[in-house]
N, C-alpha and C. Protein backbone atom coordinates (compact mmCIF):
# COMPACT_ATOMS: atom_id res chain seq x y z
N MET A 1 -74.35 -151.76 94.60
CA MET A 1 -73.89 -150.37 94.70
C MET A 1 -73.52 -150.04 96.14
N LYS A 2 -72.43 -149.33 96.31
CA LYS A 2 -72.00 -148.95 97.65
C LYS A 2 -73.09 -148.13 98.33
N ASP A 3 -73.23 -148.29 99.65
CA ASP A 3 -74.23 -147.55 100.42
C ASP A 3 -73.97 -146.06 100.29
N LEU A 4 -74.92 -145.34 99.70
CA LEU A 4 -74.73 -143.91 99.43
C LEU A 4 -75.00 -143.03 100.63
N GLN A 5 -75.84 -143.49 101.53
CA GLN A 5 -76.33 -142.58 102.57
C GLN A 5 -75.22 -141.95 103.42
N PRO A 6 -74.24 -142.72 103.90
CA PRO A 6 -73.17 -142.06 104.68
C PRO A 6 -72.42 -141.01 103.86
N LEU A 7 -72.23 -141.29 102.57
CA LEU A 7 -71.51 -140.34 101.72
C LEU A 7 -72.35 -139.09 101.47
N LEU A 8 -73.66 -139.27 101.26
CA LEU A 8 -74.54 -138.12 101.07
C LEU A 8 -74.62 -137.27 102.33
N GLU A 9 -74.65 -137.94 103.47
CA GLU A 9 -74.67 -137.20 104.74
C GLU A 9 -73.37 -136.42 104.93
N LEU A 10 -72.26 -137.01 104.55
CA LEU A 10 -70.98 -136.31 104.64
C LEU A 10 -70.96 -135.10 103.73
N SER A 11 -71.46 -135.26 102.51
CA SER A 11 -71.50 -134.13 101.57
C SER A 11 -72.40 -133.02 102.07
N ALA A 12 -73.52 -133.40 102.67
CA ALA A 12 -74.51 -132.42 103.11
C ALA A 12 -74.12 -131.69 104.39
N ARG A 13 -73.08 -132.16 105.06
CA ARG A 13 -72.74 -131.64 106.38
C ARG A 13 -72.50 -130.13 106.37
N ASN A 14 -71.84 -129.64 105.33
CA ASN A 14 -71.55 -128.21 105.25
C ASN A 14 -72.63 -127.42 104.52
N HIS A 15 -73.69 -128.08 104.10
CA HIS A 15 -74.76 -127.41 103.37
C HIS A 15 -76.07 -127.41 104.14
N SER A 16 -76.19 -128.27 105.11
CA SER A 16 -77.43 -128.48 105.88
C SER A 16 -78.55 -129.03 105.01
N HIS A 17 -78.22 -129.51 103.83
CA HIS A 17 -79.22 -130.14 102.96
C HIS A 17 -78.47 -130.97 101.92
N ILE A 18 -79.22 -131.80 101.22
CA ILE A 18 -78.68 -132.55 100.10
C ILE A 18 -79.39 -132.07 98.84
N CYS A 19 -78.69 -132.08 97.73
CA CYS A 19 -79.27 -131.58 96.48
C CYS A 19 -78.82 -132.48 95.33
N PRO A 20 -79.46 -132.37 94.16
CA PRO A 20 -79.09 -133.24 93.04
C PRO A 20 -77.62 -133.18 92.65
N ARG A 21 -77.03 -132.00 92.69
CA ARG A 21 -75.63 -131.90 92.28
C ARG A 21 -74.68 -132.57 93.28
N GLN A 22 -75.03 -132.54 94.54
CA GLN A 22 -74.22 -133.29 95.50
C GLN A 22 -74.31 -134.79 95.22
N ILE A 23 -75.50 -135.26 94.92
CA ILE A 23 -75.68 -136.68 94.61
C ILE A 23 -74.90 -137.04 93.35
N LEU A 24 -74.97 -136.18 92.34
CA LEU A 24 -74.19 -136.41 91.12
C LEU A 24 -72.70 -136.47 91.44
N GLY A 25 -72.24 -135.57 92.32
CA GLY A 25 -70.83 -135.57 92.68
C GLY A 25 -70.41 -136.86 93.37
N VAL A 26 -71.24 -137.33 94.31
CA VAL A 26 -70.94 -138.58 95.00
C VAL A 26 -70.93 -139.74 94.01
N ARG A 27 -71.97 -139.83 93.19
CA ARG A 27 -72.05 -140.92 92.21
C ARG A 27 -70.90 -140.87 91.21
N MET A 28 -70.57 -139.65 90.73
CA MET A 28 -69.47 -139.54 89.77
C MET A 28 -68.14 -139.87 90.43
N GLY A 29 -67.97 -139.49 91.70
CA GLY A 29 -66.75 -139.85 92.40
C GLY A 29 -66.56 -141.35 92.48
N LEU A 30 -67.63 -142.05 92.81
CA LEU A 30 -67.56 -143.51 92.88
C LEU A 30 -67.31 -144.12 91.49
N ALA A 31 -67.98 -143.57 90.47
CA ALA A 31 -67.82 -144.09 89.11
C ALA A 31 -66.41 -143.83 88.58
N GLY A 32 -65.88 -142.65 88.87
CA GLY A 32 -64.53 -142.33 88.41
C GLY A 32 -63.48 -143.22 89.06
N MET A 33 -63.63 -143.46 90.38
CA MET A 33 -62.69 -144.37 91.04
C MET A 33 -62.79 -145.77 90.45
N ALA A 34 -64.01 -146.22 90.21
CA ALA A 34 -64.19 -147.56 89.65
C ALA A 34 -63.55 -147.68 88.27
N ALA A 35 -63.65 -146.62 87.48
CA ALA A 35 -63.05 -146.63 86.14
C ALA A 35 -61.54 -146.78 86.20
N LEU A 36 -60.93 -146.34 87.31
CA LEU A 36 -59.49 -146.48 87.48
C LEU A 36 -59.11 -147.72 88.28
N GLY A 37 -60.12 -148.51 88.65
CA GLY A 37 -59.86 -149.76 89.36
C GLY A 37 -59.82 -149.63 90.86
N PHE A 38 -60.27 -148.50 91.40
CA PHE A 38 -60.30 -148.31 92.85
C PHE A 38 -61.68 -148.66 93.39
N CYS A 39 -61.72 -149.56 94.38
CA CYS A 39 -62.98 -149.89 95.05
C CYS A 39 -63.26 -148.93 96.20
N GLU A 40 -62.21 -148.36 96.75
CA GLU A 40 -62.28 -147.43 97.87
C GLU A 40 -61.35 -146.26 97.58
N PRO A 41 -61.51 -145.16 98.29
CA PRO A 41 -60.53 -144.08 98.13
C PRO A 41 -59.12 -144.61 98.33
N PRO A 42 -58.21 -144.38 97.40
CA PRO A 42 -56.88 -144.98 97.47
C PRO A 42 -55.99 -144.28 98.50
N ALA A 43 -54.77 -144.77 98.58
CA ALA A 43 -53.81 -144.19 99.52
C ALA A 43 -53.60 -142.71 99.22
N LYS A 44 -53.08 -142.00 100.21
CA LYS A 44 -52.94 -140.56 100.14
C LYS A 44 -52.23 -140.11 98.86
N LYS A 45 -52.89 -139.22 98.14
CA LYS A 45 -52.37 -138.56 96.95
C LYS A 45 -52.09 -139.52 95.79
N GLU A 46 -52.73 -140.68 95.79
CA GLU A 46 -52.63 -141.58 94.65
C GLU A 46 -53.67 -141.23 93.59
N LEU A 47 -54.73 -140.53 94.01
CA LEU A 47 -55.79 -140.13 93.10
C LEU A 47 -55.84 -138.60 93.03
N LEU A 48 -55.89 -138.08 91.82
CA LEU A 48 -56.07 -136.66 91.59
C LEU A 48 -57.36 -136.46 90.79
N ILE A 49 -58.19 -135.51 91.22
CA ILE A 49 -59.42 -135.20 90.49
C ILE A 49 -59.37 -133.74 90.06
N ILE A 50 -59.70 -133.50 88.82
CA ILE A 50 -59.83 -132.14 88.30
C ILE A 50 -61.31 -131.93 87.99
N THR A 51 -61.98 -131.14 88.82
CA THR A 51 -63.40 -130.89 88.63
C THR A 51 -63.60 -129.67 87.75
N GLU A 52 -64.64 -129.69 86.93
CA GLU A 52 -64.87 -128.62 85.97
C GLU A 52 -65.92 -127.63 86.45
N THR A 53 -66.29 -127.71 87.72
CA THR A 53 -67.10 -126.69 88.36
C THR A 53 -66.87 -126.80 89.86
N ASP A 54 -67.32 -125.79 90.59
CA ASP A 54 -67.15 -125.83 92.04
C ASP A 54 -68.51 -126.06 92.70
N GLY A 55 -68.68 -125.63 93.94
CA GLY A 55 -69.97 -125.72 94.61
C GLY A 55 -70.32 -127.11 95.09
N CYS A 56 -71.62 -127.37 95.13
CA CYS A 56 -72.15 -128.61 95.70
C CYS A 56 -71.58 -129.85 95.03
N PHE A 57 -71.43 -129.79 93.72
CA PHE A 57 -70.92 -130.94 92.97
C PHE A 57 -69.53 -131.33 93.48
N ALA A 58 -68.67 -130.34 93.66
CA ALA A 58 -67.31 -130.61 94.14
C ALA A 58 -67.32 -131.21 95.53
N ASP A 59 -68.25 -130.76 96.39
CA ASP A 59 -68.35 -131.34 97.73
C ASP A 59 -68.77 -132.80 97.66
N GLY A 60 -69.62 -133.14 96.71
CA GLY A 60 -69.99 -134.54 96.53
C GLY A 60 -68.80 -135.38 96.10
N LEU A 61 -67.99 -134.86 95.18
CA LEU A 61 -66.78 -135.57 94.77
C LEU A 61 -65.87 -135.83 95.97
N SER A 62 -65.69 -134.81 96.79
CA SER A 62 -64.82 -134.95 97.97
C SER A 62 -65.34 -136.00 98.93
N ALA A 63 -66.65 -135.99 99.16
CA ALA A 63 -67.24 -136.95 100.10
C ALA A 63 -67.00 -138.39 99.65
N ALA A 64 -67.09 -138.63 98.35
CA ALA A 64 -66.97 -139.99 97.83
C ALA A 64 -65.53 -140.46 97.74
N THR A 65 -64.61 -139.54 97.48
CA THR A 65 -63.24 -139.93 97.15
C THR A 65 -62.20 -139.54 98.19
N GLY A 66 -62.55 -138.60 99.08
CA GLY A 66 -61.57 -138.10 100.03
C GLY A 66 -60.63 -137.08 99.44
N CYS A 67 -60.76 -136.76 98.17
CA CYS A 67 -59.90 -135.76 97.54
C CYS A 67 -60.37 -134.36 97.93
N MET A 68 -59.42 -133.50 98.26
CA MET A 68 -59.75 -132.17 98.73
C MET A 68 -58.77 -131.14 98.18
N VAL A 69 -59.26 -129.92 98.02
CA VAL A 69 -58.39 -128.83 97.59
C VAL A 69 -57.24 -128.66 98.58
N GLY A 70 -57.55 -128.74 99.87
CA GLY A 70 -56.53 -128.56 100.89
C GLY A 70 -55.44 -129.62 100.87
N HIS A 71 -55.75 -130.79 100.34
CA HIS A 71 -54.76 -131.86 100.22
C HIS A 71 -54.06 -131.85 98.86
N ARG A 72 -54.45 -130.91 98.02
CA ARG A 72 -53.91 -130.79 96.65
C ARG A 72 -54.21 -132.04 95.83
N THR A 73 -55.34 -132.68 96.12
CA THR A 73 -55.78 -133.84 95.34
C THR A 73 -57.06 -133.54 94.57
N LEU A 74 -57.61 -132.35 94.79
CA LEU A 74 -58.78 -131.89 94.04
C LEU A 74 -58.45 -130.52 93.46
N ARG A 75 -58.52 -130.40 92.14
CA ARG A 75 -58.23 -129.15 91.46
C ARG A 75 -59.50 -128.66 90.77
N VAL A 76 -59.67 -127.36 90.68
CA VAL A 76 -60.83 -126.77 90.02
C VAL A 76 -60.39 -126.08 88.74
N GLU A 77 -60.89 -126.56 87.61
CA GLU A 77 -60.77 -125.87 86.32
C GLU A 77 -62.20 -125.48 85.96
N ASP A 78 -62.55 -124.24 86.22
CA ASP A 78 -63.96 -123.84 86.15
C ASP A 78 -64.43 -123.66 84.72
N TYR A 79 -64.93 -124.74 84.12
CA TYR A 79 -65.52 -124.71 82.78
C TYR A 79 -67.03 -124.56 82.86
N GLY A 80 -67.58 -124.51 84.09
CA GLY A 80 -69.02 -124.45 84.23
C GLY A 80 -69.71 -125.74 83.84
N LYS A 81 -69.00 -126.87 83.97
CA LYS A 81 -69.54 -128.17 83.57
C LYS A 81 -69.53 -129.13 84.75
N VAL A 82 -70.61 -129.86 84.91
CA VAL A 82 -70.67 -130.89 85.95
C VAL A 82 -69.96 -132.12 85.38
N ALA A 83 -68.65 -132.08 85.45
CA ALA A 83 -67.81 -133.14 84.90
C ALA A 83 -66.49 -133.12 85.65
N ALA A 84 -65.73 -134.21 85.53
CA ALA A 84 -64.45 -134.29 86.24
C ALA A 84 -63.53 -135.27 85.54
N THR A 85 -62.24 -135.04 85.71
CA THR A 85 -61.22 -135.95 85.20
C THR A 85 -60.51 -136.59 86.38
N PHE A 86 -60.39 -137.91 86.33
CA PHE A 86 -59.80 -138.70 87.41
C PHE A 86 -58.45 -139.23 86.94
N VAL A 87 -57.43 -139.06 87.78
CA VAL A 87 -56.06 -139.43 87.40
C VAL A 87 -55.46 -140.34 88.46
N ASN A 88 -54.99 -141.50 88.02
CA ASN A 88 -54.16 -142.34 88.88
C ASN A 88 -52.75 -141.78 88.81
N VAL A 89 -52.31 -141.13 89.88
CA VAL A 89 -51.03 -140.42 89.86
C VAL A 89 -49.86 -141.37 89.64
N LYS A 90 -49.97 -142.61 90.12
CA LYS A 90 -48.87 -143.56 89.98
C LYS A 90 -48.74 -144.10 88.56
N THR A 91 -49.86 -144.38 87.92
CA THR A 91 -49.82 -145.00 86.59
C THR A 91 -50.08 -144.02 85.46
N ALA A 92 -50.58 -142.82 85.80
CA ALA A 92 -50.95 -141.78 84.83
C ALA A 92 -52.21 -142.15 84.03
N GLN A 93 -52.89 -143.24 84.40
CA GLN A 93 -54.16 -143.56 83.75
C GLN A 93 -55.16 -142.45 84.06
N THR A 94 -55.85 -141.98 83.03
CA THR A 94 -56.71 -140.80 83.19
C THR A 94 -58.03 -141.03 82.48
N VAL A 95 -59.13 -140.69 83.15
CA VAL A 95 -60.46 -140.86 82.56
C VAL A 95 -61.30 -139.63 82.86
N HIS A 96 -62.02 -139.19 81.84
CA HIS A 96 -62.93 -138.04 81.97
C HIS A 96 -64.35 -138.57 82.08
N VAL A 97 -65.06 -138.13 83.13
CA VAL A 97 -66.41 -138.61 83.40
C VAL A 97 -67.38 -137.43 83.34
N ALA A 98 -68.49 -137.61 82.64
CA ALA A 98 -69.49 -136.55 82.50
C ALA A 98 -70.88 -137.19 82.46
N PRO A 99 -71.91 -136.46 82.86
CA PRO A 99 -73.27 -136.99 82.73
C PRO A 99 -73.65 -137.18 81.27
N VAL A 100 -74.47 -138.19 80.99
CA VAL A 100 -75.00 -138.34 79.63
C VAL A 100 -75.85 -137.11 79.31
N SER A 101 -75.93 -136.78 78.03
CA SER A 101 -76.54 -135.51 77.64
C SER A 101 -78.01 -135.41 78.02
N ASP A 102 -78.70 -136.54 78.07
CA ASP A 102 -80.14 -136.51 78.38
C ASP A 102 -80.45 -137.04 79.77
N ILE A 103 -79.52 -136.86 80.70
CA ILE A 103 -79.70 -137.44 82.03
C ILE A 103 -80.96 -136.92 82.72
N ARG A 104 -81.31 -135.64 82.49
CA ARG A 104 -82.49 -135.09 83.15
C ARG A 104 -83.78 -135.73 82.63
N GLN A 105 -83.78 -136.18 81.39
CA GLN A 105 -84.95 -136.88 80.85
C GLN A 105 -84.99 -138.33 81.33
N ARG A 106 -83.84 -138.93 81.46
CA ARG A 106 -83.79 -140.33 81.86
C ARG A 106 -84.30 -140.56 83.28
N VAL A 107 -84.24 -139.53 84.12
CA VAL A 107 -84.65 -139.75 85.51
C VAL A 107 -86.10 -140.21 85.61
N TYR A 108 -86.94 -139.82 84.65
CA TYR A 108 -88.37 -140.15 84.76
C TYR A 108 -88.63 -141.62 84.50
N THR A 109 -87.66 -142.32 83.93
CA THR A 109 -87.78 -143.77 83.81
C THR A 109 -87.76 -144.43 85.19
N TYR A 110 -87.12 -143.76 86.13
CA TYR A 110 -86.95 -144.31 87.47
C TYR A 110 -87.87 -143.66 88.49
N THR A 111 -88.53 -142.57 88.12
CA THR A 111 -89.43 -141.87 89.06
C THR A 111 -90.67 -141.39 88.31
N SER A 112 -91.38 -142.30 87.72
CA SER A 112 -92.54 -141.92 86.91
C SER A 112 -93.65 -141.29 87.74
N ASP A 113 -93.62 -141.49 89.05
CA ASP A 113 -94.68 -140.96 89.91
C ASP A 113 -94.30 -139.61 90.53
N GLU A 114 -93.16 -139.03 90.11
CA GLU A 114 -92.72 -137.75 90.67
C GLU A 114 -92.57 -136.73 89.54
N PRO A 115 -93.56 -135.83 89.38
CA PRO A 115 -93.53 -134.88 88.26
C PRO A 115 -92.60 -133.70 88.48
N ARG A 116 -92.19 -133.45 89.71
CA ARG A 116 -91.35 -132.28 90.00
C ARG A 116 -89.89 -132.59 89.66
N HIS A 117 -89.29 -131.76 88.81
CA HIS A 117 -87.95 -132.03 88.29
C HIS A 117 -86.93 -132.25 89.40
N TYR A 118 -86.89 -131.34 90.34
CA TYR A 118 -85.88 -131.37 91.40
C TYR A 118 -85.95 -132.68 92.18
N PHE A 119 -87.14 -133.06 92.60
CA PHE A 119 -87.29 -134.25 93.43
C PHE A 119 -87.15 -135.52 92.61
N ALA A 120 -87.50 -135.46 91.33
CA ALA A 120 -87.26 -136.62 90.46
C ALA A 120 -85.76 -136.88 90.34
N GLN A 121 -84.99 -135.81 90.18
CA GLN A 121 -83.53 -135.96 90.12
C GLN A 121 -82.98 -136.49 91.44
N MET A 122 -83.47 -135.94 92.54
CA MET A 122 -83.01 -136.38 93.86
C MET A 122 -83.18 -137.89 94.02
N GLN A 123 -84.31 -138.40 93.59
CA GLN A 123 -84.58 -139.82 93.75
C GLN A 123 -83.81 -140.67 92.75
N ALA A 124 -83.88 -140.28 91.49
CA ALA A 124 -83.30 -141.11 90.43
C ALA A 124 -81.79 -141.18 90.49
N TYR A 125 -81.14 -140.07 90.81
CA TYR A 125 -79.67 -140.06 90.85
C TYR A 125 -79.11 -141.03 91.89
N GLN A 126 -79.94 -141.44 92.83
CA GLN A 126 -79.47 -142.38 93.85
C GLN A 126 -79.61 -143.84 93.42
N ILE A 127 -80.39 -144.11 92.39
CA ILE A 127 -80.66 -145.51 92.02
C ILE A 127 -80.31 -145.84 90.59
N MET A 128 -80.07 -144.86 89.73
CA MET A 128 -79.75 -145.14 88.33
C MET A 128 -78.41 -145.87 88.21
N PRO A 129 -78.31 -146.82 87.29
CA PRO A 129 -77.01 -147.48 87.05
C PRO A 129 -76.00 -146.47 86.48
N ASP A 130 -74.73 -146.72 86.73
CA ASP A 130 -73.70 -145.81 86.24
C ASP A 130 -73.77 -145.58 84.74
N ASP A 131 -74.00 -146.66 83.98
CA ASP A 131 -73.98 -146.51 82.53
C ASP A 131 -75.21 -145.78 82.00
N GLU A 132 -76.22 -145.57 82.84
CA GLU A 132 -77.37 -144.75 82.47
C GLU A 132 -77.14 -143.28 82.84
N MET A 133 -76.13 -143.03 83.65
CA MET A 133 -75.87 -141.67 84.13
C MET A 133 -74.67 -141.01 83.48
N PHE A 134 -73.60 -141.78 83.23
CA PHE A 134 -72.33 -141.17 82.88
C PHE A 134 -71.71 -141.75 81.62
N THR A 135 -70.88 -140.93 81.00
CA THR A 135 -69.94 -141.41 79.99
C THR A 135 -68.55 -141.34 80.61
N ALA A 136 -67.71 -142.29 80.29
CA ALA A 136 -66.33 -142.32 80.79
C ALA A 136 -65.40 -142.47 79.60
N THR A 137 -64.49 -141.53 79.42
CA THR A 137 -63.62 -141.50 78.25
C THR A 137 -62.17 -141.43 78.69
N ALA A 138 -61.36 -142.33 78.17
CA ALA A 138 -59.92 -142.25 78.44
C ALA A 138 -59.36 -141.01 77.76
N VAL A 139 -58.56 -140.25 78.48
CA VAL A 139 -58.01 -139.00 77.94
C VAL A 139 -56.53 -138.89 78.30
N LEU A 140 -55.85 -137.96 77.62
CA LEU A 140 -54.47 -137.62 77.94
C LEU A 140 -54.45 -136.19 78.46
N LEU A 141 -53.73 -135.94 79.53
CA LEU A 141 -53.60 -134.59 80.05
C LEU A 141 -52.68 -133.78 79.15
N THR A 142 -53.05 -132.52 78.91
CA THR A 142 -52.19 -131.66 78.09
C THR A 142 -51.00 -131.13 78.88
N THR A 143 -51.09 -131.18 80.20
CA THR A 143 -49.96 -130.86 81.07
C THR A 143 -49.54 -132.14 81.79
N PRO A 144 -48.26 -132.49 81.76
CA PRO A 144 -47.83 -133.73 82.42
C PRO A 144 -48.23 -133.75 83.89
N ILE A 145 -48.54 -134.94 84.38
CA ILE A 145 -48.98 -135.07 85.76
C ILE A 145 -47.92 -134.57 86.72
N GLU A 146 -46.64 -134.74 86.37
CA GLU A 146 -45.57 -134.26 87.24
C GLU A 146 -45.62 -132.75 87.40
N ALA A 147 -45.97 -132.05 86.33
CA ALA A 147 -46.06 -130.59 86.39
C ALA A 147 -47.29 -130.15 87.17
N ILE A 148 -48.37 -130.90 87.06
CA ILE A 148 -49.58 -130.56 87.81
C ILE A 148 -49.35 -130.74 89.30
N VAL A 149 -48.79 -131.88 89.68
CA VAL A 149 -48.53 -132.16 91.08
C VAL A 149 -47.41 -131.26 91.61
N SER A 150 -46.37 -131.09 90.81
CA SER A 150 -45.22 -130.23 91.12
C SER A 150 -44.45 -130.72 92.32
N ARG A 151 -43.43 -129.93 92.70
CA ARG A 151 -42.62 -130.26 93.87
C ARG A 151 -42.99 -129.32 95.01
N PRO A 152 -43.58 -129.82 96.06
CA PRO A 152 -43.94 -128.94 97.18
C PRO A 152 -42.70 -128.34 97.82
N GLY A 153 -42.86 -127.13 98.30
CA GLY A 153 -41.76 -126.48 99.00
C GLY A 153 -40.90 -125.60 98.12
N VAL A 154 -41.09 -125.65 96.79
CA VAL A 154 -40.32 -124.79 95.89
C VAL A 154 -40.97 -123.40 95.89
N ARG A 155 -40.18 -122.37 96.17
CA ARG A 155 -40.71 -121.01 96.27
C ARG A 155 -39.78 -120.04 95.56
N VAL A 156 -40.37 -119.12 94.81
CA VAL A 156 -39.63 -118.02 94.18
C VAL A 156 -40.48 -116.77 94.28
N ASP A 157 -39.87 -115.61 94.08
CA ASP A 157 -40.59 -114.34 94.10
C ASP A 157 -40.76 -113.81 92.68
N CYS A 158 -41.92 -113.22 92.41
CA CYS A 158 -42.18 -112.60 91.12
C CYS A 158 -41.33 -111.34 90.99
N ASP A 159 -40.67 -111.15 89.83
CA ASP A 159 -39.82 -109.99 89.60
C ASP A 159 -40.61 -108.70 89.42
N VAL A 160 -41.93 -108.80 89.22
CA VAL A 160 -42.74 -107.60 89.03
C VAL A 160 -43.46 -107.21 90.31
N CYS A 161 -44.31 -108.07 90.82
CA CYS A 161 -45.10 -107.70 92.00
C CYS A 161 -44.41 -108.05 93.31
N GLY A 162 -43.40 -108.92 93.25
CA GLY A 162 -42.67 -109.29 94.45
C GLY A 162 -43.32 -110.36 95.29
N GLU A 163 -44.50 -110.83 94.88
CA GLU A 163 -45.20 -111.84 95.67
C GLU A 163 -44.59 -113.23 95.45
N GLU A 164 -44.71 -114.06 96.49
CA GLU A 164 -44.14 -115.40 96.44
C GLU A 164 -44.98 -116.32 95.56
N ILE A 165 -44.31 -117.17 94.81
CA ILE A 165 -44.96 -118.16 93.95
C ILE A 165 -44.53 -119.54 94.42
N MET A 166 -45.49 -120.41 94.68
CA MET A 166 -45.20 -121.75 95.18
C MET A 166 -45.45 -122.79 94.10
N ASN A 167 -44.95 -123.99 94.35
CA ASN A 167 -45.29 -125.19 93.57
C ASN A 167 -44.98 -125.07 92.09
N GLU A 168 -43.90 -124.35 91.75
CA GLU A 168 -43.42 -124.26 90.37
C GLU A 168 -44.46 -123.68 89.42
N ARG A 169 -45.20 -122.68 89.91
CA ARG A 169 -46.22 -122.07 89.06
C ARG A 169 -45.71 -120.78 88.39
N GLU A 170 -44.42 -120.50 88.52
CA GLU A 170 -43.88 -119.29 87.91
C GLU A 170 -43.75 -119.45 86.39
N ILE A 171 -43.67 -118.32 85.70
CA ILE A 171 -43.49 -118.28 84.25
C ILE A 171 -42.20 -117.52 83.96
N LYS A 172 -41.37 -118.08 83.11
CA LYS A 172 -40.10 -117.46 82.75
C LYS A 172 -40.25 -116.74 81.41
N ARG A 173 -39.93 -115.44 81.41
CA ARG A 173 -39.97 -114.67 80.17
C ARG A 173 -38.85 -113.62 80.16
N GLU A 174 -38.10 -113.63 79.08
CA GLU A 174 -37.05 -112.63 78.91
C GLU A 174 -36.16 -112.50 80.13
N GLY A 175 -35.82 -113.63 80.73
CA GLY A 175 -34.95 -113.63 81.88
C GLY A 175 -35.62 -113.26 83.19
N LEU A 176 -36.92 -113.01 83.17
CA LEU A 176 -37.66 -112.64 84.37
C LEU A 176 -38.46 -113.81 84.90
N THR A 177 -38.64 -113.85 86.20
CA THR A 177 -39.52 -114.81 86.86
C THR A 177 -40.82 -114.09 87.19
N LEU A 178 -41.92 -114.58 86.63
CA LEU A 178 -43.20 -113.88 86.75
C LEU A 178 -44.28 -114.79 87.29
N CYS A 179 -45.20 -114.21 88.07
CA CYS A 179 -46.43 -114.93 88.43
C CYS A 179 -47.39 -114.82 87.24
N ARG A 180 -48.43 -115.61 87.26
CA ARG A 180 -49.38 -115.61 86.15
C ARG A 180 -50.10 -114.28 86.01
N ALA A 181 -50.36 -113.62 87.15
CA ALA A 181 -51.07 -112.34 87.09
C ALA A 181 -50.26 -111.28 86.38
N CYS A 182 -48.93 -111.33 86.52
CA CYS A 182 -48.07 -110.34 85.88
C CYS A 182 -47.69 -110.76 84.46
N ALA A 183 -47.59 -112.05 84.21
CA ALA A 183 -47.18 -112.52 82.89
C ALA A 183 -48.33 -112.55 81.91
N GLU A 184 -49.53 -112.74 82.42
CA GLU A 184 -50.71 -112.85 81.57
C GLU A 184 -51.75 -111.84 82.05
N ARG A 185 -52.90 -111.87 81.46
CA ARG A 185 -53.99 -111.02 81.93
C ARG A 185 -54.61 -111.68 83.14
N GLY A 186 -54.30 -111.16 84.32
CA GLY A 186 -54.79 -111.76 85.54
C GLY A 186 -56.27 -111.47 85.75
N TYR A 187 -56.82 -112.07 86.79
CA TYR A 187 -58.24 -111.85 87.09
C TYR A 187 -58.46 -110.59 87.91
N TYR A 188 -57.38 -109.85 88.23
CA TYR A 188 -57.51 -108.59 88.95
C TYR A 188 -56.40 -107.65 88.48
N GLN A 189 -56.55 -106.36 88.81
CA GLN A 189 -55.47 -105.40 88.66
C GLN A 189 -55.64 -104.34 89.74
N PRO A 190 -54.54 -103.70 90.15
CA PRO A 190 -54.62 -102.73 91.24
C PRO A 190 -55.53 -101.56 90.88
N VAL A 191 -56.21 -100.99 91.90
CA VAL A 191 -57.07 -99.84 91.68
C VAL A 191 -56.59 -98.61 92.42
N GLU A 192 -55.77 -98.77 93.47
CA GLU A 192 -55.25 -97.61 94.17
C GLU A 192 -54.26 -96.87 93.29
N GLN A 193 -54.20 -95.54 93.43
CA GLN A 193 -53.41 -94.73 92.52
C GLN A 193 -51.95 -95.17 92.48
N ASN A 194 -51.31 -95.29 93.64
CA ASN A 194 -49.91 -95.64 93.67
C ASN A 194 -49.68 -97.04 93.13
N ALA A 195 -50.58 -97.96 93.51
CA ALA A 195 -50.44 -99.33 93.04
C ALA A 195 -50.63 -99.39 91.54
N THR A 196 -51.60 -98.63 91.02
CA THR A 196 -51.85 -98.62 89.59
C THR A 196 -50.64 -98.08 88.84
N LEU A 197 -50.05 -96.99 89.37
CA LEU A 197 -48.87 -96.41 88.74
C LEU A 197 -47.75 -97.43 88.69
N SER A 198 -47.56 -98.13 89.82
CA SER A 198 -46.52 -99.15 89.87
C SER A 198 -46.81 -100.23 88.85
N TYR A 199 -48.07 -100.64 88.74
CA TYR A 199 -48.46 -101.69 87.80
C TYR A 199 -48.18 -101.25 86.37
N VAL A 200 -48.55 -99.99 86.03
CA VAL A 200 -48.34 -99.48 84.68
C VAL A 200 -46.86 -99.42 84.36
N LEU A 201 -46.04 -98.91 85.32
CA LEU A 201 -44.61 -98.82 85.08
C LEU A 201 -44.01 -100.20 84.84
N HIS A 202 -44.41 -101.15 85.65
CA HIS A 202 -43.89 -102.50 85.47
C HIS A 202 -44.33 -103.08 84.14
N THR A 203 -45.60 -102.83 83.77
CA THR A 203 -46.11 -103.35 82.51
C THR A 203 -45.35 -102.74 81.34
N ASP A 204 -45.11 -101.40 81.41
CA ASP A 204 -44.34 -100.76 80.35
C ASP A 204 -42.92 -101.34 80.25
N ARG A 205 -42.35 -101.60 81.42
CA ARG A 205 -41.00 -102.18 81.43
C ARG A 205 -40.98 -103.53 80.77
N LEU A 206 -41.98 -104.34 81.12
CA LEU A 206 -42.05 -105.68 80.53
C LEU A 206 -42.26 -105.59 79.02
N SER A 207 -43.19 -104.70 78.59
CA SER A 207 -43.48 -104.57 77.16
C SER A 207 -42.24 -104.14 76.41
N HIS A 208 -41.45 -103.22 77.03
CA HIS A 208 -40.23 -102.77 76.39
C HIS A 208 -39.22 -103.92 76.28
N GLN A 209 -39.12 -104.72 77.36
CA GLN A 209 -38.17 -105.82 77.32
C GLN A 209 -38.59 -106.89 76.32
N PHE A 210 -39.91 -107.15 76.25
CA PHE A 210 -40.39 -108.19 75.35
C PHE A 210 -40.17 -107.78 73.89
N SER A 211 -40.23 -106.46 73.60
CA SER A 211 -40.14 -106.00 72.22
C SER A 211 -38.69 -105.89 71.74
N ASN A 212 -37.73 -105.92 72.66
CA ASN A 212 -36.31 -105.81 72.29
C ASN A 212 -35.70 -107.17 72.02
């Protein structure tokens, strides 16, 4: 097994501590790369990871693989699950990796002398074999890899809010170019009176156009 300590130290650098989820992230990062045939982090942007939660786990993935949100090689789809999908961007080979369902019980096979859950996980996650920790399943992405990666530098403005949309994330409806917040139920809406009025007027306009 690859020496974990430098990777754990790298993950812990922004946390001032190490925790079980960081260790899981590091171990899963290494396991996911291995499943795609990578012994080391591959060349720039050859590997894409879609993590299903954020926080410490995601930092562990980054430490092991070099994939980062800022490099557009780590994406977050927040399902609230400590799991991730690894994609070879060149070949489109894709594997979903998740902990085995009883991983918290299995740790005691490796740390029978540690009754405290947290510390048992800390110890066991560093020494358990991959096949005792994870399941790896070949999967197909529902969105083509080309659409996920997109073309950098492409920019358009939303016809409703006027904000810029990058990386081909716009939605076309009824001849309009829309951002996701205006085309769908976004995670926010304006609260100031004038902004709210503008939002309502635009929404009414869209509803009228969609119904015609």
